[in-house]
C-alpha cells in the first residue's frame, strides 16, 4: 500500500470514531453537549495515534503483530546472482546485497553489487494462502556506480520467501529480468536486521556472520 492509502485508512478511522462517539454520547444523555464533543475528540485522537503507531512500529512487536499480521523483511540480505545476456550469450555472476526497508504498508528495496546500485520504485509483498508462501515482487531502476556511465536500465524481480524454522533462517530466491535483454536468478539470505547503505557494509556484516549466506 502507498502513503495515500495509509492516509485514507487513518482518515476514515478518525471520521468513524468521531461519528461513533457522538452517537454513543447522544444515546446516553439524549443530547450532544460540549463535554461530549471533547470526549469524541479524545477517542478519535487515541484511535488515530494507535494506527499511526501500529503501521510504523507496533506491527513488528511480537505481542501486537498478530492484530494484523504482515511478514517482516526489513534488514540486510546477502547472497549471489547469476544472469545471462540473451543477445550476447554471456553469463554473469557475483555477490549481491539487498537493503530492505519496511513498515506495515510500504516496502522499498535497494540492491548493491560492487558495480551496480538498484532502486525499487514499484513494490508488492504478496501472500499465497493456498501454498502458504510469501512473495516479493518489485520493479527497479539500475545505474552503474561510475560517473562515466550514463546508461540507465530497468528491471523486475520476483522472489519467494523461504523460511527454515530449524536454523531460524530467511531466504529470498527467484528470477529477475532487465530491459537490456538479460535474465537471471537471485538467491539471498537475511544476515542482519540492520539496514545498510552500501555493498561494502553488507559484505562486512556477511563476513562477521561467518559467511553463511
N, C-alpha and C. Protein backbone atom coordinates (compact mmCIF):
# COMPACT_ATOMS: atom_id res chain seq x y z
N UNK A 1 0.82 -1.19 0.00
CA UNK A 1 0.00 0.00 0.00
C UNK A 1 0.87 1.25 0.00
N UNK A 2 0.43 2.29 -0.73
CA UNK A 2 1.19 3.53 -0.77
C UNK A 2 0.78 4.46 0.36
N UNK A 3 1.43 5.62 0.42
CA UNK A 3 1.17 6.56 1.52
C UNK A 3 -0.24 7.14 1.44
N UNK A 4 -0.78 7.28 0.22
CA UNK A 4 -2.14 7.79 0.07
C UNK A 4 -3.15 6.84 0.70
N UNK A 5 -2.93 5.54 0.49
CA UNK A 5 -3.81 4.53 1.08
C UNK A 5 -3.71 4.56 2.61
N UNK A 6 -2.49 4.71 3.10
CA UNK A 6 -2.28 4.80 4.55
C UNK A 6 -3.03 5.99 5.12
N UNK A 7 -2.95 7.13 4.43
CA UNK A 7 -3.64 8.33 4.90
C UNK A 7 -5.16 8.13 4.90
N UNK A 8 -5.67 7.43 3.89
CA UNK A 8 -7.11 7.17 3.81
C UNK A 8 -7.57 6.31 4.99
N UNK A 9 -6.77 5.28 5.34
CA UNK A 9 -7.12 4.40 6.45
C UNK A 9 -7.20 5.19 7.76
N UNK A 10 -6.20 6.04 7.98
CA UNK A 10 -6.18 6.84 9.20
C UNK A 10 -7.34 7.83 9.22
N UNK A 11 -7.60 8.48 8.07
CA UNK A 11 -8.67 9.48 7.98
C UNK A 11 -10.04 8.85 8.21
N UNK A 12 -10.29 7.72 7.56
CA UNK A 12 -11.57 7.03 7.72
C UNK A 12 -11.77 6.57 9.16
N UNK A 13 -10.71 6.05 9.78
CA UNK A 13 -10.79 5.62 11.17
C UNK A 13 -11.13 6.80 12.07
N UNK A 14 -10.55 7.95 11.77
CA UNK A 14 -10.79 9.16 12.56
C UNK A 14 -12.26 9.59 12.45
N UNK A 15 -12.77 9.61 11.22
CA UNK A 15 -14.16 10.04 11.00
C UNK A 15 -15.14 9.09 11.67
N UNK A 16 -14.90 7.79 11.51
CA UNK A 16 -15.79 6.79 12.11
C UNK A 16 -15.82 6.91 13.63
N UNK A 17 -14.65 7.11 14.22
CA UNK A 17 -14.58 7.21 15.67
C UNK A 17 -15.30 8.46 16.19
N UNK A 18 -15.17 9.58 15.45
CA UNK A 18 -15.85 10.80 15.85
C UNK A 18 -17.37 10.62 15.78
N UNK A 19 -17.87 10.11 14.65
CA UNK A 19 -19.30 9.90 14.47
C UNK A 19 -19.83 8.91 15.50
N UNK A 20 -19.07 7.82 15.70
CA UNK A 20 -19.50 6.81 16.67
C UNK A 20 -19.57 7.37 18.07
N UNK A 21 -18.61 8.22 18.44
CA UNK A 21 -18.61 8.81 19.78
C UNK A 21 -19.80 9.74 19.97
N UNK A 22 -20.13 10.52 18.94
CA UNK A 22 -21.29 11.40 19.02
C UNK A 22 -22.58 10.59 19.22
N UNK A 23 -22.70 9.52 18.47
CA UNK A 23 -23.91 8.69 18.56
C UNK A 23 -24.05 8.08 19.95
N UNK A 24 -22.95 7.53 20.46
CA UNK A 24 -22.98 6.92 21.79
C UNK A 24 -23.33 7.96 22.85
N UNK A 25 -22.71 9.12 22.74
CA UNK A 25 -22.98 10.18 23.70
C UNK A 25 -24.44 10.63 23.65
N UNK A 26 -24.99 10.75 22.46
CA UNK A 26 -26.39 11.19 22.29
C UNK A 26 -27.35 10.16 22.88
N UNK A 27 -27.06 8.88 22.64
CA UNK A 27 -27.93 7.83 23.17
C UNK A 27 -27.91 7.80 24.69
N UNK A 28 -26.78 8.18 25.29
CA UNK A 28 -26.66 8.16 26.75
C UNK A 28 -27.43 9.30 27.39
N UNK A 29 -27.29 10.51 26.87
CA UNK A 29 -27.89 11.67 27.54
C UNK A 29 -28.91 12.40 26.68
N UNK A 30 -29.21 11.83 25.50
CA UNK A 30 -30.18 12.41 24.59
C UNK A 30 -29.82 13.85 24.18
N UNK A 31 -28.53 14.14 24.26
CA UNK A 31 -28.11 15.49 23.90
C UNK A 31 -26.60 15.47 23.63
N UNK A 32 -26.15 16.37 22.77
CA UNK A 32 -24.73 16.48 22.48
C UNK A 32 -24.24 17.79 23.08
N UNK A 33 -23.50 17.73 24.17
CA UNK A 33 -23.00 18.95 24.79
C UNK A 33 -21.51 19.10 24.55
N UNK A 34 -20.94 20.10 25.16
CA UNK A 34 -19.52 20.41 24.98
C UNK A 34 -18.64 19.26 25.44
N UNK A 35 -18.98 18.66 26.58
CA UNK A 35 -18.18 17.55 27.11
C UNK A 35 -18.21 16.34 26.16
N UNK A 36 -19.34 16.17 25.51
CA UNK A 36 -19.44 15.08 24.54
C UNK A 36 -18.52 15.30 23.36
N UNK A 37 -18.41 16.55 22.92
CA UNK A 37 -17.52 16.88 21.81
C UNK A 37 -16.07 16.62 22.20
N UNK A 38 -15.71 17.06 23.42
CA UNK A 38 -14.34 16.85 23.91
C UNK A 38 -14.02 15.36 24.00
N UNK A 39 -14.96 14.57 24.53
CA UNK A 39 -14.76 13.12 24.65
C UNK A 39 -14.60 12.48 23.27
N UNK A 40 -15.40 12.96 22.30
CA UNK A 40 -15.31 12.41 20.94
C UNK A 40 -13.95 12.67 20.34
N UNK A 41 -13.44 13.88 20.55
CA UNK A 41 -12.12 14.24 20.01
C UNK A 41 -11.04 13.39 20.67
N UNK A 42 -11.17 13.17 21.99
CA UNK A 42 -10.19 12.34 22.71
C UNK A 42 -10.16 10.93 22.16
N UNK A 43 -11.34 10.34 22.00
CA UNK A 43 -11.42 8.97 21.50
C UNK A 43 -10.84 8.85 20.09
N UNK A 44 -11.22 9.78 19.24
CA UNK A 44 -10.75 9.73 17.85
C UNK A 44 -9.24 9.97 17.76
N UNK A 45 -8.71 10.83 18.64
CA UNK A 45 -7.27 11.10 18.65
C UNK A 45 -6.50 9.86 19.07
N UNK A 46 -7.01 9.16 20.10
CA UNK A 46 -6.37 7.93 20.56
C UNK A 46 -6.35 6.89 19.43
N UNK A 47 -7.46 6.76 18.73
CA UNK A 47 -7.55 5.81 17.63
C UNK A 47 -6.56 6.15 16.52
N UNK A 48 -6.46 7.42 16.20
CA UNK A 48 -5.55 7.86 15.14
C UNK A 48 -4.09 7.57 15.51
N UNK A 49 -3.71 7.95 16.73
CA UNK A 49 -2.34 7.69 17.16
C UNK A 49 -2.04 6.20 17.24
N UNK A 50 -3.03 5.40 17.60
CA UNK A 50 -2.85 3.94 17.65
C UNK A 50 -2.49 3.38 16.29
N UNK A 51 -3.25 3.79 15.25
CA UNK A 51 -2.98 3.26 13.91
C UNK A 51 -1.65 3.76 13.37
N UNK A 52 -1.32 5.01 13.64
CA UNK A 52 -0.02 5.53 13.19
C UNK A 52 1.11 4.77 13.86
N UNK A 53 0.96 4.49 15.15
CA UNK A 53 1.95 3.71 15.88
C UNK A 53 2.03 2.29 15.34
N UNK A 54 0.86 1.69 15.11
CA UNK A 54 0.85 0.29 14.66
C UNK A 54 1.48 0.14 13.28
N UNK A 55 1.14 1.03 12.34
CA UNK A 55 1.66 0.94 10.98
C UNK A 55 3.18 1.14 10.91
N UNK A 56 3.72 1.94 11.83
CA UNK A 56 5.15 2.22 11.80
C UNK A 56 5.98 1.27 12.66
N UNK A 57 5.50 0.97 13.86
CA UNK A 57 6.30 0.19 14.80
C UNK A 57 5.56 -1.03 15.37
N UNK A 58 4.30 -0.82 15.77
CA UNK A 58 3.56 -1.85 16.50
C UNK A 58 3.46 -3.19 15.81
N UNK A 59 3.39 -3.18 14.47
CA UNK A 59 3.21 -4.44 13.72
C UNK A 59 4.42 -5.37 13.85
N UNK A 60 5.56 -4.84 14.32
CA UNK A 60 6.76 -5.65 14.49
C UNK A 60 6.86 -6.26 15.88
N UNK A 61 6.12 -5.70 16.85
CA UNK A 61 6.20 -6.15 18.23
C UNK A 61 5.46 -7.49 18.37
N UNK A 62 6.14 -8.53 18.89
CA UNK A 62 5.56 -9.88 18.96
C UNK A 62 4.15 -9.95 19.52
N UNK A 63 3.89 -9.23 20.61
CA UNK A 63 2.58 -9.32 21.25
C UNK A 63 1.49 -8.60 20.45
N UNK A 64 1.89 -7.69 19.54
CA UNK A 64 0.92 -6.90 18.78
C UNK A 64 0.81 -7.30 17.31
N UNK A 65 1.81 -7.97 16.79
CA UNK A 65 1.84 -8.22 15.35
C UNK A 65 0.73 -9.16 14.87
N UNK A 66 0.10 -9.88 15.81
CA UNK A 66 -0.98 -10.78 15.42
C UNK A 66 -2.28 -10.04 15.13
N UNK A 67 -2.35 -8.76 15.53
CA UNK A 67 -3.55 -7.97 15.27
C UNK A 67 -3.81 -7.90 13.77
N UNK A 68 -2.80 -7.53 13.00
CA UNK A 68 -2.84 -7.55 11.54
C UNK A 68 -1.49 -8.05 11.07
N UNK A 69 -1.36 -9.36 10.88
CA UNK A 69 -0.04 -9.95 10.61
C UNK A 69 0.47 -9.57 9.22
N UNK A 70 1.75 -9.22 9.19
CA UNK A 70 2.45 -8.97 7.93
C UNK A 70 3.89 -9.42 8.11
N UNK A 71 4.41 -10.19 7.16
CA UNK A 71 5.77 -10.70 7.27
C UNK A 71 6.76 -9.53 7.28
N UNK A 72 7.78 -9.63 8.12
CA UNK A 72 8.77 -8.57 8.25
C UNK A 72 10.06 -8.95 7.52
N UNK A 73 10.37 -8.22 6.45
CA UNK A 73 11.57 -8.49 5.66
C UNK A 73 12.67 -7.45 5.89
N UNK A 74 12.40 -6.48 6.75
CA UNK A 74 13.36 -5.37 6.91
C UNK A 74 14.72 -5.86 7.39
N UNK A 75 15.77 -5.31 6.76
CA UNK A 75 17.12 -5.67 7.16
C UNK A 75 18.04 -5.81 5.95
N UNK A 76 19.14 -6.52 6.17
CA UNK A 76 20.16 -6.73 5.12
C UNK A 76 20.19 -8.19 4.70
N UNK A 77 20.18 -8.39 3.40
CA UNK A 77 20.22 -9.73 2.82
C UNK A 77 21.46 -9.83 1.93
N UNK A 78 22.10 -10.99 1.93
CA UNK A 78 23.33 -11.15 1.14
C UNK A 78 23.35 -12.52 0.47
N UNK A 79 23.87 -12.53 -0.76
CA UNK A 79 23.94 -13.80 -1.49
C UNK A 79 24.56 -13.63 -2.86
N UNK A 80 24.02 -14.35 -3.83
CA UNK A 80 24.60 -14.35 -5.17
C UNK A 80 23.54 -14.16 -6.25
N UNK A 81 24.01 -13.74 -7.42
CA UNK A 81 23.16 -13.66 -8.61
C UNK A 81 23.88 -14.29 -9.78
N UNK A 82 23.11 -14.75 -10.73
CA UNK A 82 23.66 -15.27 -11.98
C UNK A 82 22.70 -14.88 -13.09
N UNK A 83 23.23 -14.22 -14.12
CA UNK A 83 22.39 -13.77 -15.22
C UNK A 83 23.02 -14.10 -16.56
N UNK A 84 22.18 -14.12 -17.58
CA UNK A 84 22.64 -14.44 -18.93
C UNK A 84 22.09 -13.40 -19.90
N UNK A 85 22.98 -12.85 -20.72
CA UNK A 85 22.58 -11.92 -21.77
C UNK A 85 22.12 -12.71 -22.98
N UNK A 86 20.85 -12.58 -23.34
CA UNK A 86 20.29 -13.34 -24.46
C UNK A 86 20.94 -12.93 -25.78
N UNK A 87 21.19 -11.65 -25.96
CA UNK A 87 21.77 -11.16 -27.21
C UNK A 87 23.22 -11.60 -27.38
N UNK A 88 24.01 -11.47 -26.32
CA UNK A 88 25.44 -11.77 -26.40
C UNK A 88 25.79 -13.19 -25.97
N UNK A 89 24.82 -13.87 -25.36
CA UNK A 89 25.03 -15.23 -24.86
C UNK A 89 26.21 -15.29 -23.89
N UNK A 90 26.25 -14.32 -22.99
CA UNK A 90 27.30 -14.23 -21.98
C UNK A 90 26.67 -14.37 -20.60
N UNK A 91 27.31 -15.12 -19.73
CA UNK A 91 26.81 -15.33 -18.37
C UNK A 91 27.59 -14.48 -17.38
N UNK A 92 26.86 -13.83 -16.50
CA UNK A 92 27.48 -13.01 -15.46
C UNK A 92 27.07 -13.56 -14.10
N UNK A 93 27.95 -13.46 -13.11
CA UNK A 93 27.63 -13.91 -11.76
C UNK A 93 28.43 -13.10 -10.75
N UNK A 94 27.94 -13.08 -9.53
CA UNK A 94 28.65 -12.33 -8.49
C UNK A 94 27.87 -12.27 -7.21
N UNK A 95 28.36 -11.49 -6.28
CA UNK A 95 27.70 -11.31 -4.99
C UNK A 95 26.77 -10.11 -5.05
N UNK A 96 25.71 -10.17 -4.26
CA UNK A 96 24.72 -9.10 -4.24
C UNK A 96 24.15 -8.94 -2.83
N UNK A 97 23.82 -7.71 -2.49
CA UNK A 97 23.19 -7.42 -1.20
C UNK A 97 21.87 -6.70 -1.43
N UNK A 98 20.88 -7.03 -0.64
CA UNK A 98 19.60 -6.32 -0.68
C UNK A 98 19.42 -5.56 0.63
N UNK A 99 19.08 -4.31 0.52
CA UNK A 99 18.74 -3.50 1.68
C UNK A 99 17.24 -3.25 1.62
N UNK A 100 16.49 -3.85 2.55
CA UNK A 100 15.04 -3.74 2.55
C UNK A 100 14.59 -2.90 3.74
N UNK A 101 13.84 -1.86 3.45
CA UNK A 101 13.27 -1.01 4.49
C UNK A 101 11.76 -1.16 4.41
N UNK A 102 11.11 -1.32 5.56
CA UNK A 102 9.70 -1.68 5.54
C UNK A 102 8.95 -1.16 6.75
N UNK A 103 7.71 -0.73 6.53
CA UNK A 103 6.75 -0.58 7.61
C UNK A 103 5.53 -1.42 7.22
N UNK A 104 4.43 -1.30 7.93
CA UNK A 104 3.30 -2.19 7.66
C UNK A 104 2.74 -2.04 6.25
N UNK A 105 2.75 -0.84 5.72
CA UNK A 105 2.09 -0.57 4.44
C UNK A 105 3.06 -0.40 3.27
N UNK A 106 4.32 -0.15 3.56
CA UNK A 106 5.26 0.15 2.49
C UNK A 106 6.54 -0.67 2.61
N UNK A 107 7.14 -0.96 1.47
CA UNK A 107 8.43 -1.64 1.44
C UNK A 107 9.26 -1.06 0.29
N UNK A 108 10.54 -0.85 0.54
CA UNK A 108 11.43 -0.35 -0.51
C UNK A 108 12.71 -1.18 -0.51
N UNK A 109 13.27 -1.37 -1.70
CA UNK A 109 14.44 -2.23 -1.85
C UNK A 109 15.54 -1.49 -2.60
N UNK A 110 16.74 -1.57 -2.08
CA UNK A 110 17.93 -1.14 -2.81
C UNK A 110 18.85 -2.35 -2.86
N UNK A 111 19.31 -2.72 -4.06
CA UNK A 111 20.26 -3.83 -4.17
C UNK A 111 21.62 -3.29 -4.59
N UNK A 112 22.65 -3.89 -4.01
CA UNK A 112 24.03 -3.45 -4.26
C UNK A 112 24.87 -4.60 -4.79
N UNK A 113 25.72 -4.30 -5.77
CA UNK A 113 26.84 -5.17 -6.13
C UNK A 113 28.07 -4.27 -6.10
N UNK A 114 29.23 -4.80 -6.47
CA UNK A 114 30.42 -3.96 -6.49
C UNK A 114 30.40 -2.97 -7.65
N UNK A 115 29.42 -3.13 -8.58
CA UNK A 115 29.34 -2.23 -9.74
C UNK A 115 28.02 -1.49 -9.86
N UNK A 116 26.94 -2.08 -9.35
CA UNK A 116 25.62 -1.50 -9.58
C UNK A 116 24.87 -1.22 -8.28
N UNK A 117 23.95 -0.27 -8.39
CA UNK A 117 23.02 0.03 -7.31
C UNK A 117 21.63 0.16 -7.93
N UNK A 118 20.67 -0.64 -7.43
CA UNK A 118 19.33 -0.67 -8.00
C UNK A 118 18.31 -0.13 -6.99
N UNK A 119 17.45 0.76 -7.46
CA UNK A 119 16.42 1.35 -6.61
C UNK A 119 15.04 0.87 -7.04
N UNK A 120 14.28 0.29 -6.13
CA UNK A 120 12.92 -0.14 -6.47
C UNK A 120 12.00 1.07 -6.51
N UNK A 121 11.00 1.03 -7.42
CA UNK A 121 10.02 2.12 -7.48
C UNK A 121 8.59 1.61 -7.58
N UNK A 122 8.41 0.31 -7.60
CA UNK A 122 7.08 -0.29 -7.55
C UNK A 122 7.23 -1.64 -6.87
N UNK A 123 6.61 -1.79 -5.70
CA UNK A 123 6.82 -2.99 -4.90
C UNK A 123 5.49 -3.61 -4.47
N UNK A 124 5.51 -4.93 -4.32
CA UNK A 124 4.32 -5.64 -3.83
C UNK A 124 4.76 -6.85 -3.01
N UNK A 125 4.26 -6.92 -1.80
CA UNK A 125 4.52 -8.07 -0.94
C UNK A 125 3.25 -8.91 -0.90
N UNK A 126 3.30 -10.07 -1.54
CA UNK A 126 2.10 -10.89 -1.70
C UNK A 126 2.15 -12.13 -0.79
N UNK A 127 0.96 -12.64 -0.49
CA UNK A 127 0.85 -13.88 0.27
C UNK A 127 -0.12 -14.81 -0.43
N UNK A 128 0.36 -16.00 -0.80
CA UNK A 128 -0.48 -17.01 -1.44
C UNK A 128 -0.97 -17.97 -0.36
N UNK A 129 -2.25 -17.87 -0.06
CA UNK A 129 -2.82 -18.65 1.04
C UNK A 129 -2.77 -20.15 0.78
N UNK A 130 -3.00 -20.56 -0.46
CA UNK A 130 -3.02 -21.99 -0.79
C UNK A 130 -1.68 -22.66 -0.53
N UNK A 131 -0.61 -21.97 -0.94
CA UNK A 131 0.73 -22.55 -0.79
C UNK A 131 1.44 -22.07 0.47
N UNK A 132 0.78 -21.16 1.21
CA UNK A 132 1.39 -20.57 2.41
C UNK A 132 2.76 -19.99 2.09
N UNK A 133 2.81 -19.22 0.99
CA UNK A 133 4.08 -18.68 0.50
C UNK A 133 4.01 -17.17 0.35
N UNK A 134 5.04 -16.50 0.86
CA UNK A 134 5.17 -15.05 0.69
C UNK A 134 6.05 -14.77 -0.52
N UNK A 135 5.71 -13.72 -1.25
CA UNK A 135 6.45 -13.39 -2.46
C UNK A 135 6.68 -11.88 -2.53
N UNK A 136 7.90 -11.49 -2.87
CA UNK A 136 8.25 -10.09 -3.02
C UNK A 136 8.49 -9.81 -4.51
N UNK A 137 7.68 -8.90 -5.05
CA UNK A 137 7.79 -8.54 -6.47
C UNK A 137 8.06 -7.04 -6.55
N UNK A 138 9.08 -6.66 -7.31
CA UNK A 138 9.37 -5.23 -7.42
C UNK A 138 10.02 -4.90 -8.77
N UNK A 139 9.81 -3.67 -9.18
CA UNK A 139 10.41 -3.12 -10.40
C UNK A 139 11.47 -2.12 -9.95
N UNK A 140 12.60 -2.10 -10.65
CA UNK A 140 13.69 -1.24 -10.21
C UNK A 140 14.37 -0.50 -11.37
N UNK A 141 15.07 0.55 -10.99
CA UNK A 141 15.88 1.30 -11.93
C UNK A 141 17.33 1.09 -11.54
N UNK A 142 18.18 0.84 -12.51
CA UNK A 142 19.57 0.45 -12.23
C UNK A 142 20.54 1.42 -12.86
N UNK A 143 21.51 1.88 -12.06
CA UNK A 143 22.55 2.76 -12.57
C UNK A 143 23.91 2.25 -12.10
N UNK A 144 24.88 2.28 -12.99
CA UNK A 144 26.22 1.82 -12.63
C UNK A 144 26.92 2.85 -11.77
N UNK A 145 27.72 2.38 -10.81
CA UNK A 145 28.42 3.29 -9.91
C UNK A 145 29.67 3.87 -10.57
N UNK A 146 29.47 4.51 -11.70
CA UNK A 146 30.56 5.15 -12.41
C UNK A 146 30.05 6.42 -13.06
N UNK A 147 30.71 7.55 -12.82
CA UNK A 147 30.25 8.82 -13.37
C UNK A 147 30.39 8.87 -14.88
N UNK A 148 31.20 7.97 -15.45
CA UNK A 148 31.39 7.97 -16.91
C UNK A 148 30.33 7.16 -17.63
N UNK A 149 29.55 6.37 -16.89
CA UNK A 149 28.50 5.55 -17.47
C UNK A 149 27.15 6.18 -17.18
N UNK A 150 26.47 6.67 -18.21
CA UNK A 150 25.18 7.32 -18.03
C UNK A 150 24.01 6.43 -18.45
N UNK A 151 24.32 5.17 -18.71
CA UNK A 151 23.26 4.24 -19.09
C UNK A 151 22.34 3.96 -17.92
N UNK A 152 21.05 3.94 -18.19
CA UNK A 152 20.06 3.64 -17.17
C UNK A 152 19.29 2.40 -17.60
N UNK A 153 19.18 1.43 -16.73
CA UNK A 153 18.50 0.18 -17.05
C UNK A 153 17.35 -0.04 -16.07
N UNK A 154 16.31 -0.69 -16.56
CA UNK A 154 15.19 -1.06 -15.71
C UNK A 154 15.09 -2.58 -15.63
N UNK A 155 14.45 -3.05 -14.58
CA UNK A 155 14.29 -4.49 -14.45
C UNK A 155 13.20 -4.82 -13.45
N UNK A 156 12.96 -6.11 -13.29
CA UNK A 156 11.96 -6.58 -12.34
C UNK A 156 12.44 -7.87 -11.69
N UNK A 157 12.10 -8.03 -10.42
CA UNK A 157 12.46 -9.24 -9.68
C UNK A 157 11.21 -9.87 -9.07
N UNK A 158 11.19 -11.18 -9.03
CA UNK A 158 10.09 -11.94 -8.43
C UNK A 158 10.70 -12.99 -7.52
N UNK A 159 10.66 -12.71 -6.20
CA UNK A 159 11.36 -13.55 -5.24
C UNK A 159 10.41 -14.19 -4.25
N UNK A 160 10.64 -15.46 -3.94
CA UNK A 160 9.84 -16.18 -2.96
C UNK A 160 10.60 -16.26 -1.64
N UNK A 161 9.86 -16.12 -0.54
CA UNK A 161 10.46 -16.20 0.79
C UNK A 161 10.47 -17.65 1.26
N UNK A 162 11.65 -18.12 1.65
CA UNK A 162 11.80 -19.49 2.15
C UNK A 162 12.21 -19.41 3.62
N UNK A 163 11.36 -19.95 4.50
CA UNK A 163 11.61 -19.93 5.93
C UNK A 163 12.08 -21.29 6.41
N UNK A 164 13.13 -21.29 7.20
CA UNK A 164 13.63 -22.53 7.78
C UNK A 164 13.59 -22.38 9.30
N UNK A 165 12.58 -22.96 9.92
CA UNK A 165 12.40 -22.83 11.37
C UNK A 165 13.44 -23.61 12.17
N UNK A 166 14.08 -24.59 11.52
CA UNK A 166 15.08 -25.41 12.21
C UNK A 166 16.30 -24.58 12.61
N UNK A 167 16.85 -23.82 11.64
CA UNK A 167 18.02 -22.99 11.95
C UNK A 167 17.67 -21.50 11.95
N UNK A 168 16.35 -21.21 11.93
CA UNK A 168 15.86 -19.83 12.04
C UNK A 168 16.45 -18.90 10.97
N UNK A 169 16.38 -19.33 9.72
CA UNK A 169 16.90 -18.51 8.62
C UNK A 169 15.78 -18.11 7.66
N UNK A 170 16.00 -16.98 6.98
CA UNK A 170 15.08 -16.49 5.97
C UNK A 170 15.86 -16.31 4.66
N UNK A 171 15.29 -16.82 3.59
CA UNK A 171 15.93 -16.68 2.28
C UNK A 171 14.94 -16.14 1.26
N UNK A 172 15.45 -15.35 0.32
CA UNK A 172 14.68 -14.90 -0.82
C UNK A 172 15.33 -15.46 -2.08
N UNK A 173 14.55 -16.18 -2.87
CA UNK A 173 15.07 -16.78 -4.09
C UNK A 173 14.08 -16.60 -5.22
N UNK A 174 14.62 -16.32 -6.43
CA UNK A 174 13.72 -16.18 -7.57
C UNK A 174 14.42 -15.63 -8.80
N UNK A 175 13.62 -15.15 -9.73
CA UNK A 175 14.12 -14.70 -11.02
C UNK A 175 14.08 -13.19 -11.15
N UNK A 176 14.91 -12.67 -12.06
CA UNK A 176 14.85 -11.26 -12.40
C UNK A 176 15.09 -11.08 -13.90
N UNK A 177 14.59 -9.95 -14.41
CA UNK A 177 14.71 -9.62 -15.82
C UNK A 177 15.15 -8.17 -15.95
N UNK A 178 15.84 -7.85 -17.03
CA UNK A 178 16.25 -6.47 -17.26
C UNK A 178 15.81 -6.00 -18.64
N UNK A 179 15.77 -4.69 -18.82
CA UNK A 179 15.34 -4.11 -20.09
C UNK A 179 16.38 -4.25 -21.19
N UNK A 180 17.61 -4.68 -20.84
CA UNK A 180 18.65 -4.85 -21.85
C UNK A 180 18.70 -6.28 -22.39
N UNK A 181 17.70 -7.07 -22.04
CA UNK A 181 17.59 -8.41 -22.61
C UNK A 181 18.32 -9.50 -21.86
N UNK A 182 18.46 -9.35 -20.57
CA UNK A 182 19.09 -10.40 -19.76
C UNK A 182 18.11 -10.89 -18.70
N UNK A 183 18.32 -12.09 -18.23
CA UNK A 183 17.51 -12.64 -17.15
C UNK A 183 18.40 -13.49 -16.27
N UNK A 184 17.98 -13.68 -15.03
CA UNK A 184 18.85 -14.42 -14.14
C UNK A 184 18.15 -14.91 -12.90
N UNK A 185 18.96 -15.42 -11.97
CA UNK A 185 18.47 -15.99 -10.72
C UNK A 185 19.16 -15.28 -9.56
N UNK A 186 18.39 -14.98 -8.53
CA UNK A 186 18.89 -14.29 -7.36
C UNK A 186 18.62 -15.13 -6.11
N UNK A 187 19.63 -15.31 -5.26
CA UNK A 187 19.48 -16.06 -4.02
C UNK A 187 20.18 -15.31 -2.90
N UNK A 188 19.41 -14.87 -1.90
CA UNK A 188 19.99 -14.12 -0.77
C UNK A 188 19.43 -14.63 0.55
N UNK A 189 20.21 -14.45 1.60
CA UNK A 189 19.83 -14.83 2.96
C UNK A 189 19.87 -13.61 3.86
N UNK A 190 18.92 -13.51 4.77
CA UNK A 190 18.91 -12.38 5.69
C UNK A 190 20.03 -12.56 6.71
N UNK A 191 20.92 -11.56 6.79
CA UNK A 191 22.08 -11.67 7.67
C UNK A 191 22.03 -10.68 8.83
N UNK A 192 21.12 -9.69 8.76
CA UNK A 192 21.04 -8.71 9.83
C UNK A 192 19.72 -7.95 9.76
N UNK A 193 19.27 -7.48 10.93
CA UNK A 193 18.10 -6.61 10.99
C UNK A 193 18.49 -5.16 10.66
N UNK A 194 19.78 -4.91 10.64
CA UNK A 194 20.29 -3.57 10.36
C UNK A 194 20.08 -3.22 8.88
N UNK A 195 19.74 -1.97 8.60
CA UNK A 195 19.55 -1.51 7.23
C UNK A 195 20.84 -0.81 6.79
N UNK A 196 21.56 -1.40 5.83
CA UNK A 196 22.85 -0.86 5.40
C UNK A 196 22.68 0.17 4.29
N UNK A 197 23.79 0.82 3.93
CA UNK A 197 23.75 1.84 2.88
C UNK A 197 24.77 1.60 1.77
N UNK A 198 25.46 0.46 1.81
CA UNK A 198 26.45 0.18 0.77
C UNK A 198 26.73 -1.32 0.67
N UNK A 199 27.31 -1.72 -0.45
CA UNK A 199 27.70 -3.11 -0.67
C UNK A 199 28.79 -3.51 0.32
N UNK A 200 29.75 -2.61 0.53
CA UNK A 200 30.88 -2.88 1.43
C UNK A 200 30.40 -3.14 2.86
N UNK A 201 29.43 -2.36 3.30
CA UNK A 201 28.89 -2.52 4.65
C UNK A 201 28.17 -3.86 4.79
N UNK A 202 27.42 -4.23 3.75
CA UNK A 202 26.71 -5.50 3.78
C UNK A 202 27.68 -6.68 3.78
N UNK A 203 28.74 -6.58 2.98
CA UNK A 203 29.70 -7.68 2.90
C UNK A 203 30.46 -7.83 4.22
N UNK A 204 30.70 -6.72 4.89
CA UNK A 204 31.38 -6.77 6.19
C UNK A 204 30.52 -7.54 7.20
N UNK A 205 29.21 -7.26 7.21
CA UNK A 205 28.29 -7.98 8.11
C UNK A 205 28.24 -9.45 7.74
N UNK A 206 28.26 -9.72 6.45
CA UNK A 206 28.22 -11.10 5.95
C UNK A 206 29.44 -11.88 6.44
N UNK A 207 30.61 -11.27 6.38
CA UNK A 207 31.84 -11.94 6.83
C UNK A 207 31.82 -12.14 8.34
N UNK A 208 31.30 -11.15 9.06
CA UNK A 208 31.21 -11.25 10.52
C UNK A 208 30.25 -12.35 10.96
N UNK A 209 29.26 -12.63 10.11
CA UNK A 209 28.29 -13.67 10.44
C UNK A 209 28.81 -15.06 10.12
N UNK A 210 30.01 -15.12 9.58
CA UNK A 210 30.62 -16.41 9.26
C UNK A 210 30.53 -16.79 7.80
N UNK A 211 30.01 -15.87 7.00
CA UNK A 211 29.93 -16.12 5.56
C UNK A 211 29.03 -17.27 5.20
N UNK A 212 27.85 -17.34 5.84
CA UNK A 212 26.94 -18.46 5.62
C UNK A 212 25.65 -18.01 4.98
N UNK A 213 25.74 -17.21 3.91
CA UNK A 213 24.54 -16.76 3.20
C UNK A 213 24.18 -17.74 2.11
